[in-house]
Amino acid sequence: MLAPPSITKGLYYPVTASVSLAAIALTLLWWSGRPMDELFMNYLVWDKWQVWRALSCTLLHVNFFHLAFNLYWVWTFGTLVERVFGHLRCAGIFLLLALGSSLAEYTFLNGGVGLSGVGYGLWGLLWVLEKRDPRFADAVDKQTSMTFIVWFFLCIVLTIAGVMAVANIAHGVGALMGVLLGFAICGQGLARWKNIAALSAVIILGLAGATVYWPWINFSKYAESEVEQAALADLDKNPAHAVEVLNIAVRMHNAPARAWYNLGVAYQHAGRYTEAIKALNHAAQMPDADPNMQKAALDPTVFPEQGSTNNF
């Protein structure tokens, strides 16, 4: 395997160096206690189309090992890609891998942080090119590939066991995108276009899954609560939108009484009092209804708005 350049050569690799420095700086700020909500994947992705969060979240890391591991491989692989393909193409590859892997993770789960999707993508890319492009000879050896494969499955086990939450979907989709990109780069004719089409499909499906269809296909236990949160954030400024979003929440799997209660609050803010009463009555009759909900059903004029956010 080719040895990475010294970090003192960072000026020769401005894209890889900039990504690495940004990850270090933002991660240290996060560790110092500064809120980084504006960088995470959350309801603003699908509700307000803030898709750029799929890129910003990759720059944050949860601990030193997470940061060091990702930066080592991003530097090792990224500098080689940047030297061969140039700065602009390298930047495009980084953006593509970060976007696709983050969107895929958020489509089905809560979203993650870190550059591991990019790292796996670069590994997949070089795994293909190392065998087909002499410029990448010895870029990835068997030991490195085995490390990535073992770590991938170990992370799945650790996640299932509850030892450590890992963005395993981002790892897998990042690697897949890297492989497809590698075959697209070195392929010819129809085979090349098939890989380009497959890579495009991953991005399109990720965009659709993380935005338009997110409330319907995300299977994390926090999905329904996040839909409610999106509605409550607009309750005062745009009650009609809050009603629309909460109508999605109450149709989601295992929607709690709280969702119906919040829908009643939203209807009340929108001046739709008959529908508000119906929603409040429905909430009050559910097994998990609390006294506030039952009180609101008896007298909708006194139900407390603060109860609408009681579980957030």
C-alpha atoms as a PDB file:
ATOM      1  CA  MET A   1       0.000   0.000   0.000  1.00  0.00           C
ATOM      2  CA  LEU A   2       1.262   3.463  -0.882  1.00  0.00           C
ATOM      3  CA  ALA A   3       2.363   5.556   2.085  1.00  0.00           C
ATOM      4  CA  PRO A   4       0.447   8.834   2.516  1.00  0.00           C
ATOM      5  CA  PRO A   5       2.342  12.110   2.189  1.00  0.00           C
ATOM      6  CA  SER A   6       3.452  14.026   5.250  1.00  0.00           C
ATOM      7  CA  ILE A   7       0.880  16.408   6.690  1.00  0.00           C
ATOM      8  CA  THR A   8       3.460  19.147   6.080  1.00  0.00           C
ATOM      9  CA  LYS A   9       2.607  18.778   2.376  1.00  0.00           C
ATOM     10  CA  GLY A  10      -0.916  19.996   2.973  1.00  0.00           C
ATOM     11  CA  LEU A  11      -0.560  22.948   0.600  1.00  0.00           C
ATOM     12  CA  TYR A  12      -0.188  20.492  -2.274  1.00  0.00           C
ATOM     13  CA  TYR A  13      -3.546  18.925  -1.375  1.00  0.00           C
ATOM     14  CA  PRO A  14      -5.816  21.880  -0.590  1.00  0.00           C
ATOM     15  CA  VAL A  15      -9.099  19.946  -0.862  1.00  0.00           C
ATOM     16  CA  THR A  16      -8.102  17.073   1.403  1.00  0.00           C
ATOM     17  CA  ALA A  17      -6.329  19.419   3.810  1.00  0.00           C
ATOM     18  CA  SER A  18      -9.278  21.826   3.970  1.00  0.00           C
ATOM     19  CA  VAL A  19     -11.764  19.041   4.694  1.00  0.00           C
ATOM     20  CA  SER A  20      -9.487  17.650   7.404  1.00  0.00           C
ATOM     21  CA  LEU A  21      -8.917  21.033   9.044  1.00  0.00           C
ATOM     22  CA  ALA A  22     -12.630  21.867   8.920  1.00  0.00           C
ATOM     23  CA  ALA A  23     -13.431  18.544  10.587  1.00  0.00           C
ATOM     24  CA  ILE A  24     -10.888  19.198  13.337  1.00  0.00           C
ATOM     25  CA  ALA A  25     -12.012  22.780  13.961  1.00  0.00           C
ATOM     26  CA  LEU A  26     -15.765  22.091  14.027  1.00  0.00           C
ATOM     27  CA  THR A  27     -15.362  18.933  16.077  1.00  0.00           C
ATOM     28  CA  LEU A  28     -13.284  20.762  18.695  1.00  0.00           C
ATOM     29  CA  LEU A  29     -15.902  23.522  18.860  1.00  0.00           C
ATOM     30  CA  TRP A  30     -18.592  20.886  19.382  1.00  0.00           C
ATOM     31  CA  TRP A  31     -16.562  19.195  22.109  1.00  0.00           C
ATOM     32  CA  SER A  32     -16.097  22.568  23.816  1.00  0.00           C
ATOM     33  CA  GLY A  33     -19.857  22.819  24.278  1.00  0.00           C
ATOM     34  CA  ARG A  34     -20.841  25.050  21.385  1.00  0.00           C
ATOM     35  CA  PRO A  35     -24.257  24.015  19.993  1.00  0.00           C
ATOM     36  CA  MET A  36     -23.979  22.600  16.479  1.00  0.00           C
ATOM     37  CA  ASP A  37     -27.664  22.055  15.730  1.00  0.00           C
ATOM     38  CA  GLU A  38     -27.307  23.941  12.461  1.00  0.00           C
ATOM     39  CA  LEU A  39     -24.973  21.233  11.134  1.00  0.00           C
ATOM     40  CA  PHE A  40     -26.894  18.060  12.014  1.00  0.00           C
ATOM     41  CA  MET A  41     -29.354  16.086   9.932  1.00  0.00           C
ATOM     42  CA  ASN A  42     -32.845  16.678  11.333  1.00  0.00           C
ATOM     43  CA  TYR A  43     -36.413  17.500  10.296  1.00  0.00           C
ATOM     44  CA  LEU A  44     -35.232  20.630   8.473  1.00  0.00           C
ATOM     45  CA  VAL A  45     -33.843  18.371   5.753  1.00  0.00           C
ATOM     46  CA  TRP A  46     -37.209  16.998   4.682  1.00  0.00           C
ATOM     47  CA  ASP A  47     -39.440  19.798   5.958  1.00  0.00           C
ATOM     48  CA  LYS A  48     -37.426  22.792   4.705  1.00  0.00           C
ATOM     49  CA  TRP A  49     -35.155  21.069   2.156  1.00  0.00           C
ATOM     50  CA  GLN A  50     -31.928  21.986   3.952  1.00  0.00           C
ATOM     51  CA  VAL A  51     -30.117  19.196   2.130  1.00  0.00           C
ATOM     52  CA  TRP A  52     -26.731  20.849   2.702  1.00  0.00           C
ATOM     53  CA  ARG A  53     -26.855  19.387   6.205  1.00  0.00           C
ATOM     54  CA  ALA A  54     -25.914  16.061   4.606  1.00  0.00           C
ATOM     55  CA  LEU A  55     -22.507  17.622   3.973  1.00  0.00           C
ATOM     56  CA  SER A  56     -22.044  19.652   7.152  1.00  0.00           C
ATOM     57  CA  CYS A  57     -22.794  16.714   9.459  1.00  0.00           C
ATOM     58  CA  THR A  58     -19.816  14.790   8.063  1.00  0.00           C
ATOM     59  CA  LEU A  59     -17.408  17.290   9.615  1.00  0.00           C
ATOM     60  CA  LEU A  60     -18.412  16.497  13.214  1.00  0.00           C
ATOM     61  CA  HIS A  61     -17.022  13.532  15.170  1.00  0.00           C
ATOM     62  CA  VAL A  62     -18.084  12.079  18.495  1.00  0.00           C
ATOM     63  CA  ASN A  63     -14.691  11.294  20.048  1.00  0.00           C
ATOM     64  CA  PHE A  64     -10.945  11.277  19.442  1.00  0.00           C
ATOM     65  CA  PHE A  65     -10.835   7.768  17.979  1.00  0.00           C
ATOM     66  CA  HIS A  66     -13.670   8.572  15.585  1.00  0.00           C
ATOM     67  CA  LEU A  67     -11.899  11.724  14.412  1.00  0.00           C
ATOM     68  CA  ALA A  68      -8.419  10.180  14.166  1.00  0.00           C
ATOM     69  CA  PHE A  69      -9.597   7.058  12.328  1.00  0.00           C
ATOM     70  CA  ASN A  70     -11.547   9.001   9.722  1.00  0.00           C
ATOM     71  CA  LEU A  71      -8.898  11.661   9.197  1.00  0.00           C
ATOM     72  CA  TYR A  72      -6.170   9.055   8.722  1.00  0.00           C
ATOM     73  CA  TRP A  73      -8.018   7.322   5.896  1.00  0.00           C
ATOM     74  CA  VAL A  74      -9.331  10.506   4.317  1.00  0.00           C
ATOM     75  CA  TRP A  75      -5.767  11.831   4.231  1.00  0.00           C
ATOM     76  CA  THR A  76      -4.303   8.533   3.022  1.00  0.00           C
ATOM     77  CA  PHE A  77      -6.808   8.012   0.218  1.00  0.00           C
ATOM     78  CA  GLY A  78      -7.816  11.614  -0.466  1.00  0.00           C
ATOM     79  CA  THR A  79      -4.330  12.898  -1.179  1.00  0.00           C
ATOM     80  CA  LEU A  80      -3.798  10.148  -3.771  1.00  0.00           C
ATOM     81  CA  VAL A  81      -7.116  10.901  -5.457  1.00  0.00           C
ATOM     82  CA  GLU A  82      -6.345  14.630  -5.426  1.00  0.00           C
ATOM     83  CA  ARG A  83      -2.843  14.117  -6.873  1.00  0.00           C
ATOM     84  CA  VAL A  84      -4.120  12.000  -9.771  1.00  0.00           C
ATOM     85  CA  PHE A  85      -7.469  13.634 -10.559  1.00  0.00           C
ATOM     86  CA  GLY A  86      -6.736  17.213  -9.536  1.00  0.00           C
ATOM     87  CA  HIS A  87      -8.333  19.519  -7.007  1.00  0.00           C
ATOM     88  CA  LEU A  88     -11.736  20.136  -8.624  1.00  0.00           C
ATOM     89  CA  ARG A  89     -12.461  16.496  -9.413  1.00  0.00           C
ATOM     90  CA  CYS A  90     -11.315  15.483  -5.954  1.00  0.00           C
ATOM     91  CA  ALA A  91     -13.678  18.039  -4.415  1.00  0.00           C
ATOM     92  CA  GLY A  92     -16.506  16.651  -6.545  1.00  0.00           C
ATOM     93  CA  ILE A  93     -15.760  13.104  -5.384  1.00  0.00           C
ATOM     94  CA  PHE A  94     -15.713  14.192  -1.740  1.00  0.00           C
ATOM     95  CA  LEU A  95     -19.033  16.006  -2.114  1.00  0.00           C
ATOM     96  CA  LEU A  96     -20.645  13.109  -3.966  1.00  0.00           C
ATOM     97  CA  LEU A  97     -19.626  10.511  -1.380  1.00  0.00           C
ATOM     98  CA  ALA A  98     -20.545  12.715   1.579  1.00  0.00           C
ATOM     99  CA  LEU A  99     -23.946  13.610   0.149  1.00  0.00           C
ATOM    100  CA  GLY A 100     -24.943  10.110  -0.900  1.00  0.00           C
ATOM    101  CA  SER A 101     -23.825   8.318   2.261  1.00  0.00           C
ATOM    102  CA  SER A 102     -25.390  10.899   4.609  1.00  0.00           C
ATOM    103  CA  LEU A 103     -28.710  10.953   2.766  1.00  0.00           C
ATOM    104  CA  ALA A 104     -28.896   7.161   2.825  1.00  0.00           C
ATOM    105  CA  GLU A 105     -28.246   7.020   6.568  1.00  0.00           C
ATOM    106  CA  TYR A 106     -30.874   9.645   7.312  1.00  0.00           C
ATOM    107  CA  THR A 107     -33.422   8.055   4.982  1.00  0.00           C
ATOM    108  CA  PHE A 108     -33.760   5.018   7.213  1.00  0.00           C
ATOM    109  CA  LEU A 109     -32.373   6.063  10.614  1.00  0.00           C
ATOM    110  CA  ASN A 110     -31.529   9.227  12.539  1.00  0.00           C
ATOM    111  CA  GLY A 111     -28.594  10.376  10.479  1.00  0.00           C
ATOM    112  CA  GLY A 112     -25.006  10.323  11.634  1.00  0.00           C
ATOM    113  CA  VAL A 113     -21.872  12.380  11.882  1.00  0.00           C
ATOM    114  CA  GLY A 114     -18.346  11.894  10.631  1.00  0.00           C
ATOM    115  CA  LEU A 115     -16.368  11.322   7.461  1.00  0.00           C
ATOM    116  CA  SER A 116     -16.572   7.536   7.572  1.00  0.00           C
ATOM    117  CA  GLY A 117     -18.967   7.403   4.607  1.00  0.00           C
ATOM    118  CA  VAL A 118     -16.407   9.361   2.600  1.00  0.00           C
ATOM    119  CA  GLY A 119     -13.602   7.125   3.864  1.00  0.00           C
ATOM    120  CA  TYR A 120     -15.464   3.975   2.839  1.00  0.00           C
ATOM    121  CA  GLY A 121     -16.291   5.576  -0.489  1.00  0.00           C
ATOM    122  CA  LEU A 122     -12.645   6.388  -1.193  1.00  0.00           C
ATOM    123  CA  TRP A 123     -11.666   2.860  -0.232  1.00  0.00           C
ATOM    124  CA  GLY A 124     -14.282   1.408  -2.625  1.00  0.00           C
ATOM    125  CA  LEU A 125     -13.104   3.734  -5.383  1.00  0.00           C
ATOM    126  CA  LEU A 126      -9.434   2.823  -4.985  1.00  0.00           C
ATOM    127  CA  TRP A 127     -10.246  -0.873  -4.566  1.00  0.00           C
ATOM    128  CA  VAL A 128     -11.604  -0.786  -8.133  1.00  0.00           C
ATOM    129  CA  LEU A 129      -9.027   1.566  -9.660  1.00  0.00           C
ATOM    130  CA  GLU A 130      -6.033  -0.173  -8.078  1.00  0.00           C
ATOM    131  CA  LYS A 131      -6.665  -3.167 -10.343  1.00  0.00           C
ATOM    132  CA  ARG A 132      -7.542  -1.237 -13.499  1.00  0.00           C
ATOM    133  CA  ASP A 133      -5.618   2.044 -13.556  1.00  0.00           C
ATOM    134  CA  PRO A 134      -1.806   2.004 -13.298  1.00  0.00           C
ATOM    135  CA  ARG A 135      -1.849   5.438 -11.677  1.00  0.00           C
ATOM    136  CA  PHE A 136      -3.369   3.790  -8.598  1.00  0.00           C
ATOM    137  CA  ALA A 137      -1.095   0.745  -8.437  1.00  0.00           C
ATOM    138  CA  ASP A 138      -0.680  -0.494  -4.833  1.00  0.00           C
ATOM    139  CA  ALA A 139      -3.218   2.066  -3.591  1.00  0.00           C
ATOM    140  CA  VAL A 140      -5.060  -0.545  -1.504  1.00  0.00           C
ATOM    141  CA  ASP A 141      -3.578  -3.821  -0.326  1.00  0.00           C
ATOM    142  CA  LYS A 142      -5.394  -6.908   0.972  1.00  0.00           C
ATOM    143  CA  GLN A 143      -4.694  -6.028   4.604  1.00  0.00           C
ATOM    144  CA  THR A 144      -6.309  -2.601   4.211  1.00  0.00           C
ATOM    145  CA  SER A 145      -9.353  -4.060   2.477  1.00  0.00           C
ATOM    146  CA  MET A 146      -9.693  -6.678   5.189  1.00  0.00           C
ATOM    147  CA  THR A 147      -9.514  -3.920   7.826  1.00  0.00           C
ATOM    148  CA  PHE A 148     -12.391  -2.067   6.184  1.00  0.00           C
ATOM    149  CA  ILE A 149     -14.483  -5.210   5.764  1.00  0.00           C
ATOM    150  CA  VAL A 150     -13.940  -6.453   9.329  1.00  0.00           C
ATOM    151  CA  TRP A 151     -14.585  -2.993  10.761  1.00  0.00           C
ATOM    152  CA  PHE A 152     -17.801  -2.721   8.745  1.00  0.00           C
ATOM    153  CA  PHE A 153     -19.270  -5.914  10.189  1.00  0.00           C
ATOM    154  CA  LEU A 154     -17.892  -5.246  13.672  1.00  0.00           C
ATOM    155  CA  CYS A 155     -19.658  -1.870  13.688  1.00  0.00           C
ATOM    156  CA  ILE A 156     -22.936  -3.572  12.802  1.00  0.00           C
ATOM    157  CA  VAL A 157     -22.509  -5.967  15.718  1.00  0.00           C
ATOM    158  CA  LEU A 158     -21.611  -3.132  18.105  1.00  0.00           C
ATOM    159  CA  THR A 159     -24.643  -1.150  16.992  1.00  0.00           C
ATOM    160  CA  ILE A 160     -27.060  -4.068  17.402  1.00  0.00           C
ATOM    161  CA  ALA A 161     -25.562  -4.884  20.815  1.00  0.00           C
ATOM    162  CA  GLY A 162     -26.058  -1.285  21.940  1.00  0.00           C
ATOM    163  CA  VAL A 163     -22.357  -0.826  22.684  1.00  0.00           C
ATOM    164  CA  MET A 164     -21.762   1.917  20.129  1.00  0.00           C
ATOM    165  CA  ALA A 165     -24.086   3.568  17.637  1.00  0.00           C
ATOM    166  CA  VAL A 166     -22.487   3.609  14.193  1.00  0.00           C
ATOM    167  CA  ALA A 167     -23.751   4.957  10.867  1.00  0.00           C
ATOM    168  CA  ASN A 168     -23.554   1.571   9.184  1.00  0.00           C
ATOM    169  CA  ILE A 169     -25.801   2.522   6.282  1.00  0.00           C
ATOM    170  CA  ALA A 170     -23.477   5.423   5.481  1.00  0.00           C
ATOM    171  CA  HIS A 171     -20.522   3.007   5.513  1.00  0.00           C
ATOM    172  CA  GLY A 172     -22.209   0.568   3.154  1.00  0.00           C
ATOM    173  CA  VAL A 173     -23.650   3.129   0.749  1.00  0.00           C
ATOM    174  CA  GLY A 174     -20.368   5.076   0.735  1.00  0.00           C
ATOM    175  CA  ALA A 175     -18.465   1.933  -0.249  1.00  0.00           C
ATOM    176  CA  LEU A 176     -21.064   1.076  -2.896  1.00  0.00           C
ATOM    177  CA  MET A 177     -20.868   4.554  -4.396  1.00  0.00           C
ATOM    178  CA  GLY A 178     -17.078   4.384  -4.456  1.00  0.00           C
ATOM    179  CA  VAL A 179     -17.174   1.062  -6.312  1.00  0.00           C
ATOM    180  CA  LEU A 180     -19.732   2.350  -8.826  1.00  0.00           C
ATOM    181  CA  LEU A 181     -17.699   5.509  -9.360  1.00  0.00           C
ATOM    182  CA  GLY A 182     -14.548   3.468  -9.890  1.00  0.00           C
ATOM    183  CA  PHE A 183     -16.202   1.317 -12.557  1.00  0.00           C
ATOM    184  CA  ALA A 184     -17.702   4.438 -14.149  1.00  0.00           C
ATOM    185  CA  ILE A 185     -14.249   6.054 -14.352  1.00  0.00           C
ATOM    186  CA  CYS A 186     -12.420   3.086 -15.820  1.00  0.00           C
ATOM    187  CA  GLY A 187     -15.309   1.538 -17.752  1.00  0.00           C
ATOM    188  CA  GLN A 188     -16.123   1.992 -21.405  1.00  0.00           C
ATOM    189  CA  GLY A 189     -19.241   2.042 -23.523  1.00  0.00           C
ATOM    190  CA  LEU A 190     -22.473   0.668 -22.111  1.00  0.00           C
ATOM    191  CA  ALA A 191     -20.817  -0.704 -18.960  1.00  0.00           C
ATOM    192  CA  ARG A 192     -19.650   2.785 -18.022  1.00  0.00           C
ATOM    193  CA  TRP A 193     -23.085   4.301 -18.509  1.00  0.00           C
ATOM    194  CA  LYS A 194     -24.711   1.559 -16.456  1.00  0.00           C
ATOM    195  CA  ASN A 195     -22.482   2.453 -13.513  1.00  0.00           C
ATOM    196  CA  ILE A 196     -23.165   6.155 -13.967  1.00  0.00           C
ATOM    197  CA  ALA A 197     -26.899   5.409 -14.008  1.00  0.00           C
ATOM    198  CA  ALA A 198     -26.613   3.272 -10.858  1.00  0.00           C
ATOM    199  CA  LEU A 199     -24.620   5.981  -9.084  1.00  0.00           C
ATOM    200  CA  SER A 200     -27.192   8.595 -10.097  1.00  0.00           C
ATOM    201  CA  ALA A 201     -29.976   6.343  -8.828  1.00  0.00           C
ATOM    202  CA  VAL A 202     -28.326   6.118  -5.397  1.00  0.00           C
ATOM    203  CA  ILE A 203     -28.240   9.918  -5.150  1.00  0.00           C
ATOM    204  CA  ILE A 204     -31.796  10.394  -6.453  1.00  0.00           C
ATOM    205  CA  LEU A 205     -33.215   7.737  -4.149  1.00  0.00           C
ATOM    206  CA  GLY A 206     -31.298   9.236  -1.232  1.00  0.00           C
ATOM    207  CA  LEU A 207     -32.678  12.697  -1.968  1.00  0.00           C
ATOM    208  CA  ALA A 208     -36.227  11.358  -2.266  1.00  0.00           C
ATOM    209  CA  GLY A 209     -35.915   9.201   0.852  1.00  0.00           C
ATOM    210  CA  ALA A 210     -34.444  11.968   2.998  1.00  0.00           C
ATOM    211  CA  THR A 211     -36.976  14.583   1.895  1.00  0.00           C
ATOM    212  CA  VAL A 212     -40.342  13.800   0.262  1.00  0.00           C
ATOM    213  CA  TYR A 213     -40.756  10.261   1.575  1.00  0.00           C
ATOM    214  CA  TRP A 214     -38.856  10.530   4.867  1.00  0.00           C
ATOM    215  CA  PRO A 215     -41.865  10.375   7.243  1.00  0.00           C
ATOM    216  CA  TRP A 216     -43.097   7.236   5.514  1.00  0.00           C
ATOM    217  CA  ILE A 217     -39.957   5.129   5.163  1.00  0.00           C
ATOM    218  CA  ASN A 218     -37.780   6.096   8.117  1.00  0.00           C
ATOM    219  CA  PHE A 219     -37.969   3.268  10.656  1.00  0.00           C
ATOM    220  CA  SER A 220     -36.118   4.794  13.606  1.00  0.00           C
ATOM    221  CA  LYS A 221     -37.994   4.997  16.888  1.00  0.00           C
ATOM    222  CA  TYR A 222     -37.635   8.787  16.821  1.00  0.00           C
ATOM    223  CA  ALA A 223     -39.241   9.353  13.411  1.00  0.00           C
ATOM    224  CA  GLU A 224     -42.755  10.138  14.607  1.00  0.00           C
ATOM    225  CA  SER A 225     -41.481  12.491  17.334  1.00  0.00           C
ATOM    226  CA  GLU A 226     -39.363  14.328  14.777  1.00  0.00           C
ATOM    227  CA  VAL A 227     -42.374  14.853  12.536  1.00  0.00           C
ATOM    228  CA  GLU A 228     -44.211  16.357  15.506  1.00  0.00           C
ATOM    229  CA  GLN A 229     -41.225  18.560  16.258  1.00  0.00           C
ATOM    230  CA  ALA A 230     -41.256  19.889  12.696  1.00  0.00           C
ATOM    231  CA  ALA A 231     -44.906  20.840  13.077  1.00  0.00           C
ATOM    232  CA  LEU A 232     -44.521  22.458  16.487  1.00  0.00           C
ATOM    233  CA  ALA A 233     -41.634  24.593  15.230  1.00  0.00           C
ATOM    234  CA  ASP A 234     -44.117  26.235  12.827  1.00  0.00           C
ATOM    235  CA  LEU A 235     -47.116  26.286  15.160  1.00  0.00           C
ATOM    236  CA  ASP A 236     -47.203  30.049  15.701  1.00  0.00           C
ATOM    237  CA  LYS A 237     -45.780  31.238  12.377  1.00  0.00           C
ATOM    238  CA  ASN A 238     -47.595  28.855  10.057  1.00  0.00           C
ATOM    239  CA  PRO A 239     -50.345  26.869  11.795  1.00  0.00           C
ATOM    240  CA  ALA A 240     -51.689  25.574   8.472  1.00  0.00           C
ATOM    241  CA  HIS A 241     -48.338  23.895   7.819  1.00  0.00           C
ATOM    242  CA  ALA A 242     -48.306  22.534  11.372  1.00  0.00           C
ATOM    243  CA  VAL A 243     -51.717  20.954  10.754  1.00  0.00           C
ATOM    244  CA  GLU A 244     -50.488  19.411   7.506  1.00  0.00           C
ATOM    245  CA  VAL A 245     -47.397  17.894   9.138  1.00  0.00           C
ATOM    246  CA  LEU A 246     -49.246  16.645  12.218  1.00  0.00           C
ATOM    247  CA  ASN A 247     -51.748  14.904   9.991  1.00  0.00           C
ATOM    248  CA  ILE A 248     -48.769  12.929   8.751  1.00  0.00           C
ATOM    249  CA  ALA A 249     -47.623  12.246  12.316  1.00  0.00           C
ATOM    250  CA  VAL A 250     -50.941  10.758  13.442  1.00  0.00           C
ATOM    251  CA  ARG A 251     -50.927   8.362  10.491  1.00  0.00           C
ATOM    252  CA  MET A 252     -47.458   7.041  11.285  1.00  0.00           C
ATOM    253  CA  HIS A 253     -46.927   3.670  12.929  1.00  0.00           C
ATOM    254  CA  ASN A 254     -47.748   3.636  16.661  1.00  0.00           C
ATOM    255  CA  ALA A 255     -48.561   7.338  16.759  1.00  0.00           C
ATOM    256  CA  PRO A 256     -49.118   8.249  20.455  1.00  0.00           C
ATOM    257  CA  ALA A 257     -51.932  10.229  22.017  1.00  0.00           C
ATOM    258  CA  ARG A 258     -49.539  13.159  22.147  1.00  0.00           C
ATOM    259  CA  ALA A 259     -49.582  13.388  18.345  1.00  0.00           C
ATOM    260  CA  TRP A 260     -53.358  13.719  18.273  1.00  0.00           C
ATOM    261  CA  TYR A 261     -53.216  16.217  21.122  1.00  0.00           C
ATOM    262  CA  ASN A 262     -50.686  18.290  19.188  1.00  0.00           C
ATOM    263  CA  LEU A 263     -52.903  18.086  16.127  1.00  0.00           C
ATOM    264  CA  GLY A 264     -55.740  19.506  18.204  1.00  0.00           C
ATOM    265  CA  VAL A 265     -53.469  22.355  19.308  1.00  0.00           C
ATOM    266  CA  ALA A 266     -52.529  23.050  15.692  1.00  0.00           C
ATOM    267  CA  TYR A 267     -56.157  23.041  14.583  1.00  0.00           C
ATOM    268  CA  GLN A 268     -56.960  25.498  17.380  1.00  0.00           C
ATOM    269  CA  HIS A 269     -54.133  27.816  16.224  1.00  0.00           C
ATOM    270  CA  ALA A 270     -55.456  27.600  12.688  1.00  0.00           C
ATOM    271  CA  GLY A 271     -58.973  28.536  13.829  1.00  0.00           C
ATOM    272  CA  ARG A 272     -60.411  25.133  12.889  1.00  0.00           C
ATOM    273  CA  TYR A 273     -62.179  24.513  16.194  1.00  0.00           C
ATOM    274  CA  THR A 274     -64.483  21.649  15.207  1.00  0.00           C
ATOM    275  CA  GLU A 275     -61.525  19.626  13.964  1.00  0.00           C
ATOM    276  CA  ALA A 276     -59.565  20.630  17.072  1.00  0.00           C
ATOM    277  CA  ILE A 277     -62.246  19.132  19.320  1.00  0.00           C
ATOM    278  CA  LYS A 278     -62.316  15.904  17.294  1.00  0.00           C
ATOM    279  CA  ALA A 279     -58.539  15.525  17.541  1.00  0.00           C
ATOM    280  CA  LEU A 280     -58.556  16.247  21.282  1.00  0.00           C
ATOM    281  CA  ASN A 281     -61.327  13.715  21.879  1.00  0.00           C
ATOM    282  CA  HIS A 282     -59.382  11.117  19.943  1.00  0.00           C
ATOM    283  CA  ALA A 283     -56.276  11.815  22.049  1.00  0.00           C
ATOM    284  CA  ALA A 284     -58.237  11.596  25.303  1.00  0.00           C
ATOM    285  CA  GLN A 285     -59.598   8.162  24.417  1.00  0.00           C
ATOM    286  CA  MET A 286     -56.207   6.637  23.671  1.00  0.00           C
ATOM    287  CA  PRO A 287     -54.574   4.354  26.307  1.00  0.00           C
ATOM    288  CA  ASP A 288     -51.552   6.620  26.751  1.00  0.00           C
ATOM    289  CA  ALA A 289     -53.536   9.836  27.232  1.00  0.00           C
ATOM    290  CA  ASP A 290     -52.465  11.924  30.210  1.00  0.00           C
ATOM    291  CA  PRO A 291     -54.715  14.121  32.427  1.00  0.00           C
ATOM    292  CA  ASN A 292     -53.977  17.269  30.399  1.00  0.00           C
ATOM    293  CA  MET A 293     -55.300  15.602  27.265  1.00  0.00           C
ATOM    294  CA  GLN A 294     -58.428  14.358  29.008  1.00  0.00           C
ATOM    295  CA  LYS A 295     -59.023  17.793  30.500  1.00  0.00           C
ATOM    296  CA  ALA A 296     -58.639  19.421  27.085  1.00  0.00           C
ATOM    297  CA  ALA A 297     -61.219  17.056  25.594  1.00  0.00           C
ATOM    298  CA  LEU A 298     -63.750  18.110  28.244  1.00  0.00           C
ATOM    299  CA  ASP A 299     -63.056  21.827  27.804  1.00  0.00           C
ATOM    300  CA  PRO A 300     -60.996  22.735  24.710  1.00  0.00           C
ATOM    301  CA  THR A 301     -60.896  26.400  25.711  1.00  0.00           C
ATOM    302  CA  VAL A 302     -58.512  25.677  28.573  1.00  0.00           C
ATOM    303  CA  PHE A 303     -56.125  23.120  27.189  1.00  0.00           C
ATOM    304  CA  PRO A 304     -52.530  24.246  27.830  1.00  0.00           C
ATOM    305  CA  GLU A 305     -50.389  24.891  24.789  1.00  0.00           C
ATOM    306  CA  GLN A 306     -47.208  24.010  26.690  1.00  0.00           C
ATOM    307  CA  GLY A 307     -48.467  20.453  26.772  1.00  0.00           C
ATOM    308  CA  SER A 308     -47.950  20.309  23.036  1.00  0.00           C
ATOM    309  CA  THR A 309     -44.228  20.100  23.542  1.00  0.00           C
ATOM    310  CA  ASN A 310     -44.183  18.066  26.707  1.00  0.00           C
ATOM    311  CA  ASN A 311     -42.271  15.156  25.196  1.00  0.00           C
ATOM    312  CA  PHE A 312     -39.561  17.096  23.400  1.00  0.00           C
END
